[in-house]
Amino acid sequence: MLVYLNQSFSELTNKKPEDEITEEELEQSIFDGAVLRVRPVLMTTGATIVGLLPIMVGEGTGSEVMQRLAAPMVGGMVSALLLTLLVLPAIYLLLKRRQCNRI
C-alpha cells in the first residue's frame, strides 16, 4: 500500500515542487494511490477468510483446536483490512501534509 501511496505522491511532486502543492491536490493524490489497492486487498483478504471458514465450522478430529486458531486469524484479517484501507492512507496524508508545510 505504501508503495502505491508514495508513487502517487511522487507523480504529484514531479508536476509541481512540494512547496506549491495545495492540500486538495495532496489529498486527491493519496486518494488515487489508495484506490489502486482496494481491489487487490479485498480479494486477498476475502480469499483468506473464505479459506478459513471450513476450518471454523468443521466438526472432525482436532476441530476444537483448529477452530480456536482460525477465529483469531479471521479477526486479524478483518482488522488488517481496515488498517490497510483506512488508517494507513490517513496517517500517510498527515505525514506528507506536515512534510509539505515544513518545506
Protein backbone atom coordinates (compact mmCIF):
# COMPACT_ATOMS: atom_id res chain seq x y z
CA MET A 1 0.00 0.00 0.00
CA LEU A 2 2.78 2.43 0.87
CA VAL A 3 4.41 1.84 -2.49
CA TYR A 4 1.28 2.99 -4.31
CA LEU A 5 0.78 5.96 -1.98
CA ASN A 6 4.39 7.02 -2.41
CA GLN A 7 4.24 6.55 -6.17
CA SER A 8 1.14 8.72 -6.39
CA PHE A 9 2.82 11.42 -4.28
CA SER A 10 5.97 11.21 -6.43
CA GLU A 11 3.91 11.75 -9.58
CA LEU A 12 2.42 14.85 -7.98
CA THR A 13 5.83 16.21 -6.97
CA ASN A 14 7.14 15.62 -10.49
CA LYS A 15 4.46 18.02 -11.75
CA LYS A 16 4.97 20.64 -9.02
CA PRO A 17 7.52 21.38 -6.33
CA GLU A 18 6.50 20.31 -2.83
CA ASP A 19 6.04 23.87 -1.58
CA GLU A 20 3.45 24.64 -4.31
CA ILE A 21 1.23 21.60 -3.69
CA THR A 22 -2.20 22.51 -2.35
CA GLU A 23 -3.91 20.44 0.31
CA GLU A 24 -6.63 19.37 -2.14
CA GLU A 25 -4.04 18.10 -4.62
CA LEU A 26 -2.26 16.19 -1.87
CA GLU A 27 -5.49 14.58 -0.66
CA GLN A 28 -6.51 13.66 -4.21
CA SER A 29 -3.10 12.18 -4.94
CA ILE A 30 -3.17 9.97 -1.85
CA PHE A 31 -6.79 9.01 -2.54
CA ASP A 32 -5.84 7.95 -6.07
CA GLY A 33 -2.97 5.85 -4.74
CA ALA A 34 -5.20 4.19 -2.15
CA VAL A 35 -7.95 3.41 -4.66
CA LEU A 36 -5.49 1.41 -6.77
CA ARG A 37 -5.06 -1.06 -3.90
CA VAL A 38 -8.69 -1.55 -2.83
CA ARG A 39 -9.49 -4.45 -5.13
CA PRO A 40 -6.28 -6.48 -4.57
CA VAL A 41 -6.51 -6.06 -0.79
CA LEU A 42 -10.19 -7.04 -0.75
CA MET A 43 -9.56 -10.06 -2.97
CA THR A 44 -6.66 -11.31 -0.86
CA THR A 45 -8.49 -10.82 2.42
CA GLY A 46 -11.67 -12.37 1.08
CA ALA A 47 -9.85 -15.42 -0.24
CA THR A 48 -8.09 -15.94 3.08
CA ILE A 49 -11.31 -15.62 5.07
CA VAL A 50 -13.19 -17.96 2.73
CA GLY A 51 -10.35 -20.45 3.11
CA LEU A 52 -10.61 -20.28 6.90
CA LEU A 53 -14.39 -20.74 7.03
CA PRO A 54 -14.32 -24.54 6.57
CA ILE A 55 -11.84 -24.77 9.44
CA MET A 56 -14.09 -22.65 11.64
CA VAL A 57 -17.23 -24.75 11.04
CA GLY A 58 -15.57 -28.16 10.75
CA GLU A 59 -16.50 -30.95 13.14
CA GLY A 60 -13.80 -33.55 12.57
CA THR A 61 -10.95 -34.78 14.69
CA GLY A 62 -8.97 -31.88 16.13
CA SER A 63 -11.56 -29.32 15.06
CA GLU A 64 -11.73 -27.77 18.52
CA VAL A 65 -8.10 -26.73 18.33
CA MET A 66 -8.33 -25.62 14.71
CA GLN A 67 -11.43 -23.50 15.36
CA ARG A 68 -9.59 -21.69 18.11
CA LEU A 69 -6.78 -20.97 15.68
CA ALA A 70 -8.98 -19.91 12.76
CA ALA A 71 -11.22 -17.45 14.63
CA PRO A 72 -8.41 -15.04 15.62
CA MET A 73 -6.96 -15.31 12.14
CA VAL A 74 -10.25 -14.13 10.64
CA GLY A 75 -10.37 -11.27 13.13
CA GLY A 76 -6.81 -10.36 12.31
CA MET A 77 -7.53 -10.35 8.59
CA VAL A 78 -10.53 -8.06 9.07
CA SER A 79 -8.58 -5.66 11.27
CA ALA A 80 -5.64 -5.68 8.84
CA LEU A 81 -8.05 -4.89 6.01
CA LEU A 82 -9.43 -1.89 7.87
CA LEU A 83 -5.99 -0.66 8.86
CA THR A 84 -4.64 -1.04 5.34
CA LEU A 85 -7.51 0.67 3.56
CA LEU A 86 -8.48 3.36 6.06
CA VAL A 87 -5.83 4.09 8.68
CA LEU A 88 -2.63 3.77 6.65
CA PRO A 89 -3.62 6.32 3.95
CA ALA A 90 -4.81 8.73 6.66
CA ILE A 91 -1.50 8.51 8.53
CA TYR A 92 0.41 8.89 5.26
CA LEU A 93 -1.64 12.01 4.48
CA LEU A 94 -0.85 13.51 7.89
CA LEU A 95 2.87 12.85 7.47
CA LYS A 96 3.02 14.23 3.93
CA ARG A 97 0.95 17.26 4.91
CA ARG A 98 3.41 18.01 7.69
CA GLN A 99 6.35 17.46 5.32
CA CYS A 100 4.92 19.80 2.67
CA ASN A 101 4.18 22.53 5.22
CA ARG A 102 7.67 22.34 6.70
CA ILE A 103 9.49 22.83 3.40
